[in-house]
N, C-alpha and C. Protein backbone atom coordinates (compact mmCIF):
# COMPACT_ATOMS: atom_id res chain seq x y z
N MET A 1 -10.86 -36.51 -29.32
CA MET A 1 -10.99 -36.69 -28.01
C MET A 1 -12.31 -37.00 -27.24
N THR A 2 -12.42 -37.77 -26.62
CA THR A 2 -13.65 -38.34 -26.25
C THR A 2 -14.09 -37.31 -25.14
N ARG A 3 -15.36 -37.52 -24.93
CA ARG A 3 -16.01 -36.35 -23.84
C ARG A 3 -15.32 -36.56 -22.62
N GLU A 4 -15.06 -37.79 -22.15
CA GLU A 4 -14.36 -38.17 -20.78
C GLU A 4 -12.99 -37.54 -20.82
N GLU A 5 -12.13 -37.46 -21.88
CA GLU A 5 -10.73 -37.11 -21.94
C GLU A 5 -10.99 -35.51 -21.97
N ALA A 6 -11.76 -34.91 -22.72
CA ALA A 6 -12.06 -33.83 -22.35
C ALA A 6 -12.52 -33.06 -21.02
N GLN A 7 -13.03 -33.82 -20.49
CA GLN A 7 -13.85 -33.49 -19.23
C GLN A 7 -12.23 -33.51 -18.20
N ALA A 8 -11.38 -34.68 -18.45
CA ALA A 8 -10.44 -34.56 -17.56
C ALA A 8 -9.46 -33.55 -17.62
N TYR A 9 -9.22 -33.36 -18.95
CA TYR A 9 -8.45 -32.23 -19.56
C TYR A 9 -8.77 -30.81 -18.84
N ALA A 10 -10.06 -30.68 -18.95
CA ALA A 10 -10.65 -29.36 -18.21
C ALA A 10 -10.53 -29.36 -16.79
N LYS A 11 -10.33 -30.38 -16.00
CA LYS A 11 -10.16 -30.59 -14.73
C LYS A 11 -8.93 -30.27 -14.39
N ARG A 12 -7.88 -30.97 -15.26
CA ARG A 12 -6.50 -30.62 -14.83
C ARG A 12 -6.18 -29.14 -15.28
N ARG A 13 -6.74 -28.75 -16.33
CA ARG A 13 -6.38 -27.33 -16.53
C ARG A 13 -6.89 -26.17 -15.38
N GLN A 14 -7.99 -26.74 -14.82
CA GLN A 14 -8.66 -25.50 -13.87
C GLN A 14 -7.78 -25.99 -12.77
N GLU A 15 -7.25 -27.34 -12.31
CA GLU A 15 -6.32 -27.41 -11.15
C GLU A 15 -5.04 -26.62 -11.15
N ALA A 16 -4.54 -26.70 -12.38
CA ALA A 16 -3.19 -25.84 -12.75
C ALA A 16 -3.64 -24.27 -12.60
N VAL A 17 -4.60 -23.86 -12.74
CA VAL A 17 -4.91 -22.52 -12.63
C VAL A 17 -5.10 -22.31 -11.38
N GLN A 18 -5.70 -23.16 -10.50
CA GLN A 18 -5.87 -22.80 -8.98
C GLN A 18 -4.56 -22.73 -8.28
N LEU A 19 -3.75 -23.82 -8.70
CA LEU A 19 -2.58 -23.87 -8.27
C LEU A 19 -1.67 -22.67 -8.38
N ALA A 20 -1.70 -22.07 -9.51
CA ALA A 20 -0.92 -21.10 -10.09
C ALA A 20 -1.48 -19.79 -9.55
N THR A 21 -2.95 -19.71 -9.22
CA THR A 21 -3.30 -18.23 -8.35
C THR A 21 -3.02 -18.61 -7.07
N LYS A 22 -2.83 -19.60 -6.17
CA LYS A 22 -2.55 -19.88 -5.13
C LYS A 22 -1.15 -19.50 -5.13
N ILE A 23 0.07 -19.86 -5.63
CA ILE A 23 1.38 -19.45 -5.85
C ILE A 23 1.46 -17.98 -6.12
N ALA A 24 0.70 -17.47 -6.83
CA ALA A 24 0.76 -15.97 -7.36
C ALA A 24 0.42 -15.26 -5.84
N LYS A 25 -0.97 -15.59 -5.09
CA LYS A 25 -1.25 -14.86 -4.15
C LYS A 25 -0.27 -14.84 -3.12
N GLY A 26 0.61 -16.14 -2.81
CA GLY A 26 1.34 -16.10 -1.86
C GLY A 26 2.65 -15.38 -2.07
N GLY A 27 2.94 -15.13 -3.40
CA GLY A 27 4.01 -14.04 -3.67
C GLY A 27 3.65 -12.72 -3.54
N ILE A 28 2.34 -12.48 -3.97
CA ILE A 28 2.07 -10.94 -3.73
C ILE A 28 2.18 -10.52 -2.01
N ALA A 29 1.70 -11.58 -1.17
CA ALA A 29 1.33 -11.48 0.41
C ALA A 29 2.81 -11.04 0.79
N GLN A 30 3.88 -12.18 0.37
CA GLN A 30 5.09 -11.93 0.72
C GLN A 30 5.80 -10.43 0.51
N SER A 31 5.49 -10.04 -1.01
CA SER A 31 5.91 -9.07 -1.52
C SER A 31 5.48 -7.81 -0.65
N GLN A 32 4.17 -7.66 -0.30
CA GLN A 32 3.52 -6.68 0.54
C GLN A 32 3.98 -6.70 1.91
N ARG A 33 4.42 -7.96 2.46
CA ARG A 33 5.00 -7.92 3.92
C ARG A 33 6.64 -7.20 3.73
N HIS A 34 7.15 -7.63 2.74
CA HIS A 34 8.62 -7.24 2.66
C HIS A 34 8.41 -5.62 2.29
N GLN A 35 7.38 -4.71 1.43
CA GLN A 35 7.34 -3.52 1.32
C GLN A 35 7.03 -2.61 2.76
N ALA A 36 6.15 -3.23 3.37
CA ALA A 36 5.83 -2.97 4.87
C ALA A 36 6.74 -2.68 5.60
N THR A 37 7.49 -4.06 5.83
CA THR A 37 9.03 -3.96 6.72
C THR A 37 9.86 -2.39 6.15
N GLN A 38 10.13 -2.55 4.83
CA GLN A 38 10.95 -1.50 4.51
C GLN A 38 10.38 -0.15 4.62
N ALA A 39 9.11 0.15 4.30
CA ALA A 39 8.50 1.22 4.70
C ALA A 39 8.42 1.55 6.13
N ASN A 40 8.44 0.88 6.91
CA ASN A 40 8.17 1.13 8.48
C ASN A 40 9.49 1.37 9.06
N LYS A 41 10.61 1.21 8.42
CA LYS A 41 12.02 1.33 9.11
C LYS A 41 12.16 2.41 9.89
N LYS A 42 11.82 3.76 9.10
CA LYS A 42 11.88 4.97 9.63
C LYS A 42 10.89 5.51 10.07
N ARG A 43 9.62 4.87 10.32
CA ARG A 43 8.68 5.54 10.68
C ARG A 43 8.61 5.39 12.53
N ARG A 44 7.80 6.31 13.12
CA ARG A 44 7.94 6.13 14.54
C ARG A 44 6.49 6.44 15.09
N GLU A 45 6.23 5.96 16.26
CA GLU A 45 4.94 6.35 16.76
C GLU A 45 4.94 7.99 17.31
N PRO A 46 3.91 8.72 17.16
CA PRO A 46 3.89 10.30 17.56
C PRO A 46 4.24 10.45 18.82
N ASP A 47 5.03 11.19 19.13
CA ASP A 47 5.46 11.37 20.60
C ASP A 47 4.66 12.93 21.23
N PHE A 48 3.53 13.02 20.74
CA PHE A 48 2.73 14.22 21.23
C PHE A 48 1.42 13.77 21.33
N GLY A 49 0.29 14.40 22.24
CA GLY A 49 -0.90 13.92 22.61
C GLY A 49 -1.80 14.92 22.22
N VAL A 50 -3.21 14.82 22.51
CA VAL A 50 -3.82 15.68 22.24
C VAL A 50 -3.85 16.84 23.20
N GLY A 51 -4.01 17.94 22.78
CA GLY A 51 -3.60 19.29 23.47
C GLY A 51 -2.27 19.65 23.20
N ASP A 52 -1.45 19.11 22.87
CA ASP A 52 -0.14 19.70 22.86
C ASP A 52 -0.02 20.63 21.56
N LEU A 53 0.85 21.39 21.47
CA LEU A 53 1.29 22.22 20.73
C LEU A 53 2.28 21.96 19.55
N VAL A 54 2.02 22.03 18.39
CA VAL A 54 2.68 21.42 17.45
C VAL A 54 2.62 22.35 16.17
N TYR A 55 3.77 22.18 15.02
CA TYR A 55 3.91 22.96 14.07
C TYR A 55 3.41 21.79 12.93
N ILE A 56 2.67 22.29 11.93
CA ILE A 56 2.44 21.37 10.62
C ILE A 56 2.78 22.47 9.54
N THR A 57 3.22 21.45 8.56
CA THR A 57 3.54 21.79 7.29
C THR A 57 2.29 21.93 6.44
N PRO A 58 2.49 23.30 5.65
CA PRO A 58 1.40 23.56 4.97
C PRO A 58 1.04 22.72 3.55
N LYS A 59 1.98 21.56 3.15
CA LYS A 59 1.74 20.59 2.33
C LYS A 59 0.14 20.12 2.09
N GLY A 60 -0.25 20.29 1.06
CA GLY A 60 -1.95 19.85 0.89
C GLY A 60 -2.80 20.74 1.39
N PHE A 61 -2.35 22.00 1.95
CA PHE A 61 -3.42 23.29 2.15
C PHE A 61 -3.25 24.27 1.08
N THR A 62 -4.55 24.93 0.84
CA THR A 62 -4.21 25.82 -0.08
C THR A 62 -4.63 27.21 0.46
N THR A 63 -3.87 28.32 0.11
CA THR A 63 -3.78 29.32 1.06
C THR A 63 -3.83 30.71 0.05
N ASN A 64 -3.99 31.72 0.50
CA ASN A 64 -4.54 32.78 -0.43
C ASN A 64 -3.08 33.48 -1.00
N ARG A 65 -1.86 33.03 -0.58
CA ARG A 65 -0.69 33.63 -0.90
C ARG A 65 -0.24 33.50 -2.71
N PRO A 66 0.37 34.40 -3.15
CA PRO A 66 0.42 34.26 -4.73
C PRO A 66 1.26 32.95 -5.10
N SER A 67 2.36 32.69 -3.90
CA SER A 67 3.11 31.74 -4.35
C SER A 67 3.61 30.72 -3.33
N ALA A 68 3.95 29.74 -3.54
CA ALA A 68 4.15 28.70 -2.08
C ALA A 68 5.73 29.41 -1.62
N LYS A 69 6.24 29.99 -2.56
CA LYS A 69 7.62 30.34 -1.76
C LYS A 69 7.33 31.60 -0.88
N LEU A 70 6.11 32.35 -1.19
CA LEU A 70 5.86 33.46 -0.24
C LEU A 70 5.10 32.96 0.93
N ASP A 71 4.76 31.57 1.22
CA ASP A 71 3.83 31.40 2.35
C ASP A 71 4.69 30.91 3.42
N GLN A 72 4.11 30.75 4.28
CA GLN A 72 4.75 30.31 5.65
C GLN A 72 5.50 28.67 5.49
N GLN A 73 6.38 28.73 6.08
CA GLN A 73 6.98 27.24 6.03
C GLN A 73 6.57 26.30 7.10
N ALA A 74 5.68 26.61 8.01
CA ALA A 74 5.31 25.92 9.00
C ALA A 74 4.06 26.57 9.58
N TYR A 75 2.88 26.22 9.83
CA TYR A 75 2.11 26.75 10.79
C TYR A 75 2.06 26.27 12.16
N GLY A 76 2.27 27.37 12.89
CA GLY A 76 2.58 27.03 14.53
C GLY A 76 1.54 26.97 15.57
N PRO A 77 1.91 26.62 16.59
CA PRO A 77 0.76 26.56 17.72
C PRO A 77 -0.01 27.96 17.75
């Protein structure tokens, strides 16, 4: 293989990789849009504002209760 042939081969390979990358990124973006659409189907905007009294779940909070079963199910206003 001559130098020119090797350079032409390397250029073709580089173009092929760039094309494959572009196609893969497009597929990933399409998948992300589809996943966002599916995830947002049952979501809604909160219907409460600043100063409203709400209940929150203790998920993610640590308490001094011996068991989650004995803890409150929701913390209120």
